[in-house]
Each structure stands twice: as structure tokens, then as C-alpha cells.
């Protein structure tokens, strides 16, 4: 059975790689779209970091600390 900590640990790498995958998908579909896709790579890493901070500030860890 999938529990919350397992789901959180599974989502973090998926978010981190999502920016790279979107960038790769955009660059392979056309010519000169690499310039448009350049800032998309760090977005996935920032989304993963924001998710971790959200879990720490509003998740079960924060509720137990309060």
C-alpha cells in the first residue's frame, strides 16, 4: 500500500526531471526552439525544492512540531 511518505519521495525526483523532459520535448519538435526552452530546465528543480519546503512547512512534520 502506498503511503504519504512513499508518495512524497516518489514525487521529488519526478518534479526535478520534469523541467529537463519538457525542455527536451520542445527542442526535439522544432528548429530554433532551443532558445525558448533554455529557462525550462531549472523550473523542475525549483518545483521539487518548493515541494520539499511545502512538505516541511505544512506537512505532517510541521503539525507534529506545533
PDB file of N, CA and C in Angstrom:
ATOM      1  N   UNK A   1       0.836  -1.172   0.000  1.00  0.00           N
ATOM      2  CA  UNK A   1       0.000   0.000   0.000  1.00  0.00           C
ATOM      3  C   UNK A   1       0.891   1.249   0.000  1.00  0.00           C
ATOM      4  N   UNK A   2       0.542   2.190  -0.818  1.00  0.00           N
ATOM      5  CA  UNK A   2       1.310   3.423  -0.955  1.00  0.00           C
ATOM      6  C   UNK A   2       0.871   4.426   0.108  1.00  0.00           C
ATOM      7  N   UNK A   3       1.813   4.837   0.932  1.00  0.00           N
ATOM      8  CA  UNK A   3       1.512   5.805   1.986  1.00  0.00           C
ATOM      9  C   UNK A   3       2.085   7.168   1.617  1.00  0.00           C
ATOM     10  N   UNK A   4       1.744   8.170   2.401  1.00  0.00           N
ATOM     11  CA  UNK A   4       2.149   9.541   2.097  1.00  0.00           C
ATOM     12  C   UNK A   4       3.667   9.714   1.980  1.00  0.00           C
ATOM     13  N   UNK A   5       4.482   9.205   2.922  1.00  0.00           N
ATOM     14  CA  UNK A   5       5.927   9.394   2.776  1.00  0.00           C
ATOM     15  C   UNK A   5       6.484   8.766   1.497  1.00  0.00           C
ATOM     16  N   UNK A   6       5.928   7.631   1.099  1.00  0.00           N
ATOM     17  CA  UNK A   6       6.369   6.999  -0.141  1.00  0.00           C
ATOM     18  C   UNK A   6       6.014   7.860  -1.350  1.00  0.00           C
ATOM     19  N   UNK A   7       4.821   8.428  -1.338  1.00  0.00           N
ATOM     20  CA  UNK A   7       4.401   9.279  -2.455  1.00  0.00           C
ATOM     21  C   UNK A   7       5.249  10.550  -2.530  1.00  0.00           C
ATOM     22  N   UNK A   8       5.564  11.126  -1.379  1.00  0.00           N
ATOM     23  CA  UNK A   8       6.396  12.335  -1.360  1.00  0.00           C
ATOM     24  C   UNK A   8       7.773  12.034  -1.926  1.00  0.00           C
ATOM     25  N   UNK A   9       8.346  10.921  -1.511  1.00  0.00           N
ATOM     26  CA  UNK A   9       9.674  10.556  -2.014  1.00  0.00           C
ATOM     27  C   UNK A   9       9.652  10.216  -3.505  1.00  0.00           C
ATOM     28  N   UNK A  10       8.532   9.765  -4.017  1.00  0.00           N
ATOM     29  CA  UNK A  10       8.429   9.465  -5.445  1.00  0.00           C
ATOM     30  C   UNK A  10       8.227  10.729  -6.275  1.00  0.00           C
ATOM     31  N   UNK A  11       7.554  11.729  -5.720  1.00  0.00           N
ATOM     32  CA  UNK A  11       7.240  12.945  -6.470  1.00  0.00           C
ATOM     33  C   UNK A  11       8.464  13.840  -6.643  1.00  0.00           C
ATOM     34  N   UNK A  12       9.361  13.861  -5.664  1.00  0.00           N
ATOM     35  CA  UNK A  12      10.502  14.777  -5.711  1.00  0.00           C
ATOM     36  C   UNK A  12      11.364  14.564  -6.964  1.00  0.00           C
ATOM     37  N   UNK A  13      11.830  13.336  -7.271  1.00  0.00           N
ATOM     38  CA  UNK A  13      12.631  13.195  -8.491  1.00  0.00           C
ATOM     39  C   UNK A  13      11.823  13.408  -9.770  1.00  0.00           C
ATOM     40  N   UNK A  14      10.524  13.086  -9.735  1.00  0.00           N
ATOM     41  CA  UNK A  14       9.699  13.331 -10.919  1.00  0.00           C
ATOM     42  C   UNK A  14       9.584  14.819 -11.223  1.00  0.00           C
ATOM     43  N   UNK A  15       9.431  15.617 -10.186  1.00  0.00           N
ATOM     44  CA  UNK A  15       9.394  17.069 -10.399  1.00  0.00           C
ATOM     45  C   UNK A  15      10.740  17.594 -10.877  1.00  0.00           C
ATOM     46  N   UNK A  16      11.817  17.059 -10.307  1.00  0.00           N
ATOM     47  CA  UNK A  16      13.147  17.540 -10.673  1.00  0.00           C
ATOM     48  C   UNK A  16      13.461  17.265 -12.135  1.00  0.00           C
ATOM     49  N   UNK A  17      13.055  16.126 -12.647  1.00  0.00           N
ATOM     50  CA  UNK A  17      13.386  15.775 -14.031  1.00  0.00           C
ATOM     51  C   UNK A  17      12.364  16.340 -15.019  1.00  0.00           C
ATOM     52  N   UNK A  18      11.214  16.808 -14.528  1.00  0.00           N
ATOM     53  CA  UNK A  18      10.173  17.277 -15.442  1.00  0.00           C
ATOM     54  C   UNK A  18      10.621  18.477 -16.275  1.00  0.00           C
ATOM     55  N   UNK A  19      11.394  19.383 -15.693  1.00  0.00           N
ATOM     56  CA  UNK A  19      11.861  20.533 -16.463  1.00  0.00           C
ATOM     57  C   UNK A  19      12.779  20.127 -17.590  1.00  0.00           C
ATOM     58  N   UNK A  20      13.651  19.161 -17.335  1.00  0.00           N
ATOM     59  CA  UNK A  20      14.562  18.671 -18.368  1.00  0.00           C
ATOM     60  C   UNK A  20      13.779  17.954 -19.461  1.00  0.00           C
ATOM     61  N   UNK A  21      12.775  17.174 -19.074  1.00  0.00           N
ATOM     62  CA  UNK A  21      11.976  16.456 -20.075  1.00  0.00           C
ATOM     63  C   UNK A  21      11.167  17.411 -20.946  1.00  0.00           C
ATOM     64  N   UNK A  22      10.612  18.439 -20.356  1.00  0.00           N
ATOM     65  CA  UNK A  22       9.863  19.428 -21.151  1.00  0.00           C
ATOM     66  C   UNK A  22      10.805  20.149 -22.099  1.00  0.00           C
ATOM     67  N   UNK A  23      11.983  20.492 -21.610  1.00  0.00           N
ATOM     68  CA  UNK A  23      12.968  21.160 -22.465  1.00  0.00           C
ATOM     69  C   UNK A  23      13.361  20.262 -23.642  1.00  0.00           C
ATOM     70  N   UNK A  24      13.589  18.982 -23.372  1.00  0.00           N
ATOM     71  CA  UNK A  24      13.957  18.053 -24.433  1.00  0.00           C
ATOM     72  C   UNK A  24      12.821  17.877 -25.436  1.00  0.00           C
ATOM     73  N   UNK A  25      11.598  17.820 -24.948  1.00  0.00           N
ATOM     74  CA  UNK A  25      10.455  17.668 -25.851  1.00  0.00           C
ATOM     75  C   UNK A  25      10.297  18.877 -26.758  1.00  0.00           C
ATOM     76  N   UNK A  26      10.505  20.066 -26.221  1.00  0.00           N
ATOM     77  CA  UNK A  26      10.363  21.274 -27.041  1.00  0.00           C
ATOM     78  C   UNK A  26      11.494  21.369 -28.057  1.00  0.00           C
ATOM     79  N   UNK A  27      12.715  21.041 -27.656  1.00  0.00           N
ATOM     80  CA  UNK A  27      13.835  21.186 -28.589  1.00  0.00           C
ATOM     81  C   UNK A  27      13.815  20.145 -29.691  1.00  0.00           C
ATOM     82  N   UNK A  28      13.237  18.984 -29.436  1.00  0.00           N
ATOM     83  CA  UNK A  28      13.199  17.964 -30.484  1.00  0.00           C
ATOM     84  C   UNK A  28      12.051  18.164 -31.461  1.00  0.00           C
ATOM     85  N   UNK A  29      11.098  19.004 -31.130  1.00  0.00           N
ATOM     86  CA  UNK A  29       9.952  19.169 -32.025  1.00  0.00           C
ATOM     87  C   UNK A  29      10.137  20.224 -33.098  1.00  0.00           C
ATOM     88  N   UNK A  30      11.129  21.073 -32.958  1.00  0.00           N
ATOM     89  CA  UNK A  30      11.282  22.102 -33.976  1.00  0.00           C
ATOM     90  C   UNK A  30      12.670  22.721 -33.985  1.00  0.00           C
ATOM     91  N   UNK A  31      12.869  23.556 -34.997  1.00  0.00           N
ATOM     92  CA  UNK A  31      14.152  24.248 -35.148  1.00  0.00           C
ATOM     93  C   UNK A  31      14.049  25.608 -34.455  1.00  0.00           C
ATOM     94  N   UNK A  32      15.109  26.004 -33.793  1.00  0.00           N
ATOM     95  CA  UNK A  32      15.242  27.297 -33.117  1.00  0.00           C
ATOM     96  C   UNK A  32      14.345  27.435 -31.901  1.00  0.00           C
ATOM     97  N   UNK A  33      13.811  26.325 -31.403  1.00  0.00           N
ATOM     98  CA  UNK A  33      13.038  26.415 -30.166  1.00  0.00           C
ATOM     99  C   UNK A  33      13.928  26.189 -28.947  1.00  0.00           C
ATOM    100  N   UNK A  34      15.188  25.890 -29.151  1.00  0.00           N
ATOM    101  CA  UNK A  34      16.107  25.701 -28.033  1.00  0.00           C
ATOM    102  C   UNK A  34      16.277  26.958 -27.213  1.00  0.00           C
ATOM    103  N   UNK A  35      16.202  28.106 -27.860  1.00  0.00           N
ATOM    104  CA  UNK A  35      16.295  29.368 -27.128  1.00  0.00           C
ATOM    105  C   UNK A  35      15.084  29.589 -26.235  1.00  0.00           C
ATOM    106  N   UNK A  36      13.933  29.116 -26.674  1.00  0.00           N
ATOM    107  CA  UNK A  36      12.734  29.261 -25.861  1.00  0.00           C
ATOM    108  C   UNK A  36      12.717  28.286 -24.700  1.00  0.00           C
ATOM    109  N   UNK A  37      13.346  27.136 -24.870  1.00  0.00           N
ATOM    110  CA  UNK A  37      13.305  26.093 -23.854  1.00  0.00           C
ATOM    111  C   UNK A  37      14.421  26.216 -22.829  1.00  0.00           C
ATOM    112  N   UNK A  38      15.366  27.097 -23.033  1.00  0.00           N
ATOM    113  CA  UNK A  38      16.519  27.192 -22.128  1.00  0.00           C
ATOM    114  C   UNK A  38      16.146  27.419 -20.671  1.00  0.00           C
ATOM    115  N   UNK A  39      15.212  28.316 -20.337  1.00  0.00           N
ATOM    116  CA  UNK A  39      14.918  28.514 -18.923  1.00  0.00           C
ATOM    117  C   UNK A  39      14.035  27.436 -18.306  1.00  0.00           C
ATOM    118  N   UNK A  40      13.583  26.458 -19.068  1.00  0.00           N
ATOM    119  CA  UNK A  40      12.693  25.443 -18.519  1.00  0.00           C
ATOM    120  C   UNK A  40      13.421  24.389 -17.676  1.00  0.00           C
ATOM    121  N   UNK A  41      14.685  24.169 -17.900  1.00  0.00           N
ATOM    122  CA  UNK A  41      15.401  23.125 -17.157  1.00  0.00           C
ATOM    123  C   UNK A  41      15.423  23.391 -15.659  1.00  0.00           C
ATOM    124  N   UNK A  42      15.744  24.585 -15.190  1.00  0.00           N
ATOM    125  CA  UNK A  42      15.756  24.801 -13.735  1.00  0.00           C
ATOM    126  C   UNK A  42      14.372  24.852 -13.102  1.00  0.00           C
ATOM    127  N   UNK A  43      13.322  24.972 -13.890  1.00  0.00           N
ATOM    128  CA  UNK A  43      11.979  25.047 -13.330  1.00  0.00           C
ATOM    129  C   UNK A  43      11.626  23.762 -12.590  1.00  0.00           C
ATOM    130  N   UNK A  44      12.031  22.629 -13.131  1.00  0.00           N
ATOM    131  CA  UNK A  44      11.752  21.362 -12.462  1.00  0.00           C
ATOM    132  C   UNK A  44      12.457  21.257 -11.124  1.00  0.00           C
ATOM    133  N   UNK A  45      13.702  21.697 -11.083  1.00  0.00           N
ATOM    134  CA  UNK A  45      14.446  21.663  -9.821  1.00  0.00           C
ATOM    135  C   UNK A  45      13.832  22.611  -8.799  1.00  0.00           C
ATOM    136  N   UNK A  46      13.392  23.772  -9.241  1.00  0.00           N
ATOM    137  CA  UNK A  46      12.748  24.725  -8.334  1.00  0.00           C
ATOM    138  C   UNK A  46      11.400  24.202  -7.840  1.00  0.00           C
ATOM    139  N   UNK A  47      10.679  23.496  -8.706  1.00  0.00           N
ATOM    140  CA  UNK A  47       9.406  22.907  -8.292  1.00  0.00           C
ATOM    141  C   UNK A  47       9.629  21.824  -7.242  1.00  0.00           C
ATOM    142  N   UNK A  48      10.672  21.009  -7.422  1.00  0.00           N
ATOM    143  CA  UNK A  48      10.980  19.984  -6.428  1.00  0.00           C
ATOM    144  C   UNK A  48      11.382  20.613  -5.104  1.00  0.00           C
ATOM    145  N   UNK A  49      12.177  21.662  -5.147  1.00  0.00           N
ATOM    146  CA  UNK A  49      12.591  22.349  -3.931  1.00  0.00           C
ATOM    147  C   UNK A  49      11.393  22.988  -3.227  1.00  0.00           C
ATOM    148  N   UNK A  50      10.512  23.605  -3.989  1.00  0.00           N
ATOM    149  CA  UNK A  50       9.307  24.202  -3.406  1.00  0.00           C
ATOM    150  C   UNK A  50       8.419  23.135  -2.778  1.00  0.00           C
ATOM    151  N   UNK A  51       8.340  21.965  -3.406  1.00  0.00           N
ATOM    152  CA  UNK A  51       7.547  20.866  -2.861  1.00  0.00           C
ATOM    153  C   UNK A  51       8.122  20.381  -1.536  1.00  0.00           C
ATOM    154  N   UNK A  52       9.436  20.276  -1.459  1.00  0.00           N
ATOM    155  CA  UNK A  52      10.082  19.853  -0.215  1.00  0.00           C
ATOM    156  C   UNK A  52       9.819  20.870   0.883  1.00  0.00           C
ATOM    157  N   UNK A  53       9.978  22.154   0.592  1.00  0.00           N
ATOM    158  CA  UNK A  53       9.718  23.180   1.596  1.00  0.00           C
ATOM    159  C   UNK A  53       8.256  23.202   2.016  1.00  0.00           C
ATOM    160  N   UNK A  54       7.355  22.972   1.072  1.00  0.00           N
ATOM    161  CA  UNK A  54       5.932  22.936   1.405  1.00  0.00           C
ATOM    162  C   UNK A  54       5.642  21.776   2.342  1.00  0.00           C
ATOM    163  N   UNK A  55       6.240  20.637   2.078  1.00  0.00           N
ATOM    164  CA  UNK A  55       6.050  19.481   2.954  1.00  0.00           C
ATOM    165  C   UNK A  55       6.608  19.747   4.350  1.00  0.00           C
ATOM    166  N   UNK A  56       7.740  20.424   4.413  1.00  0.00           N
ATOM    167  CA  UNK A  56       8.331  20.702   5.718  1.00  0.00           C
ATOM    168  C   UNK A  56       7.546  21.747   6.506  1.00  0.00           C
ATOM    169  N   UNK A  57       6.951  22.711   5.797  1.00  0.00           N
ATOM    170  CA  UNK A  57       6.259  23.796   6.482  1.00  0.00           C
ATOM    171  C   UNK A  57       4.784  23.515   6.757  1.00  0.00           C
ATOM    172  N   UNK A  58       4.131  22.713   5.923  1.00  0.00           N
ATOM    173  CA  UNK A  58       2.692  22.479   6.101  1.00  0.00           C
ATOM    174  C   UNK A  58       2.331  21.011   6.203  1.00  0.00           C
ATOM    175  N   UNK A  59       3.289  20.128   6.065  1.00  0.00           N
ATOM    176  CA  UNK A  59       3.013  18.699   6.109  1.00  0.00           C
ATOM    177  C   UNK A  59       2.952  18.145   7.518  1.00  0.00           C
ATOM    178  N   UNK A  60       3.030  16.846   7.632  1.00  0.00           N
ATOM    179  CA  UNK A  60       2.960  16.199   8.945  1.00  0.00           C
ATOM    180  C   UNK A  60       4.100  16.595   9.883  1.00  0.00           C
ATOM    181  N   UNK A  61       5.256  16.914   9.345  1.00  0.00           N
ATOM    182  CA  UNK A  61       6.388  17.318  10.187  1.00  0.00           C
ATOM    183  C   UNK A  61       6.055  18.615  10.916  1.00  0.00           C
ATOM    184  N   UNK A  62       5.479  19.560  10.220  1.00  0.00           N
ATOM    185  CA  UNK A  62       5.125  20.839  10.843  1.00  0.00           C
ATOM    186  C   UNK A  62       4.002  20.654  11.852  1.00  0.00           C
ATOM    187  N   UNK A  63       3.054  19.764  11.566  1.00  0.00           N
ATOM    188  CA  UNK A  63       1.950  19.536  12.503  1.00  0.00           C
ATOM    189  C   UNK A  63       2.446  18.874  13.780  1.00  0.00           C
ATOM    190  N   UNK A  64       3.432  17.998  13.675  1.00  0.00           N
ATOM    191  CA  UNK A  64       3.968  17.358  14.878  1.00  0.00           C
ATOM    192  C   UNK A  64       4.802  18.342  15.691  1.00  0.00           C
ATOM    193  N   UNK A  65       5.445  19.297  15.031  1.00  0.00           N
ATOM    194  CA  UNK A  65       6.277  20.269  15.741  1.00  0.00           C
ATOM    195  C   UNK A  65       5.434  21.331  16.456  1.00  0.00           C
ATOM    196  N   UNK A  66       4.219  21.523  15.976  1.00  0.00           N
ATOM    197  CA  UNK A  66       3.360  22.569  16.572  1.00  0.00           C
ATOM    198  C   UNK A  66       2.720  22.145  17.872  1.00  0.00           C
TER     199      UNK A  66
END
